[in-house]
Amino acid sequence: MLDSYIIEELKRRERERLQRERQRPTLEIPIVQRDEQEEDDRRSDREEIPGNAVVQIDL
């Protein structure tokens, strides 16, 4: 059985962690549904590119 101090400390830490997570900025990225024809076109485009592909996102 855990001491009551330990239980309260665990609860306090959990509350603080949840509060920090709520304060962090978030960005939701919408998911775009593609049809199968478009997906097939994208696959053929990828096959034509030799070497490693790199995606660069500037913020």
Protein backbone atom coordinates (compact mmCIF):
# COMPACT_ATOMS: atom_id res chain seq x y z
CA MET A 1 0.00 0.00 0.00
CA LEU A 2 1.32 3.46 -0.91
CA ASP A 3 1.71 6.28 1.53
CA SER A 4 -0.89 9.05 1.14
CA TYR A 5 1.87 11.60 0.42
CA ILE A 6 3.05 9.53 -2.54
CA ILE A 7 -0.48 9.20 -3.91
CA GLU A 8 -1.09 12.95 -3.62
CA GLU A 9 2.27 13.70 -5.22
CA LEU A 10 1.44 11.44 -8.17
CA LYS A 11 -1.93 13.16 -8.61
CA ARG A 12 -0.30 16.61 -8.42
CA ARG A 13 2.29 15.69 -11.03
CA GLU A 14 -0.41 14.32 -13.32
CA ARG A 15 -2.44 17.53 -12.99
CA GLU A 16 0.66 19.63 -13.77
CA ARG A 17 1.49 17.49 -16.78
CA LEU A 18 -2.05 17.84 -18.14
CA GLN A 19 -1.96 21.59 -17.58
CA ARG A 20 1.36 21.90 -19.47
CA GLU A 21 -0.05 19.87 -22.35
CA ARG A 22 -3.14 22.09 -22.58
CA GLN A 23 -0.95 25.21 -22.69
CA ARG A 24 1.21 23.93 -25.54
CA PRO A 25 0.28 25.31 -28.95
CA THR A 26 -1.18 22.75 -31.31
CA LEU A 27 -1.89 22.61 -34.99
CA GLU A 28 -4.42 20.27 -36.52
CA ILE A 29 -3.64 19.20 -40.06
CA PRO A 30 -6.72 18.33 -42.08
CA ILE A 31 -6.74 14.93 -43.75
CA VAL A 32 -7.55 15.12 -47.44
CA GLN A 33 -9.32 12.10 -48.90
CA ARG A 34 -8.00 11.18 -52.35
CA ASP A 35 -9.63 8.97 -54.89
CA GLU A 36 -7.91 5.84 -56.25
CA GLN A 37 -7.17 7.34 -59.69
CA GLU A 38 -5.28 10.23 -58.14
CA GLU A 39 -3.37 7.82 -55.89
CA ASP A 40 -2.36 5.71 -58.89
CA ASP A 41 -1.07 8.84 -60.64
CA ARG A 42 0.98 9.76 -57.59
CA ARG A 43 2.52 6.27 -57.45
CA SER A 44 3.60 6.46 -61.08
CA ASP A 45 5.14 9.91 -60.43
CA ARG A 46 7.15 8.50 -57.55
CA GLU A 47 8.47 5.64 -59.64
CA GLU A 48 9.91 8.06 -62.20
CA ILE A 49 12.02 9.95 -59.63
CA PRO A 50 15.44 8.32 -59.19
CA GLY A 51 17.21 8.32 -55.81
CA ASN A 52 15.93 9.37 -52.44
CA ALA A 53 13.03 11.79 -52.22
CA VAL A 54 13.16 14.60 -49.66
CA VAL A 55 10.28 16.72 -48.40
CA GLN A 56 11.22 20.11 -46.97
CA ILE A 57 8.75 22.19 -44.99
CA ASP A 58 9.62 25.83 -44.28
CA LEU A 59 7.94 27.34 -41.25
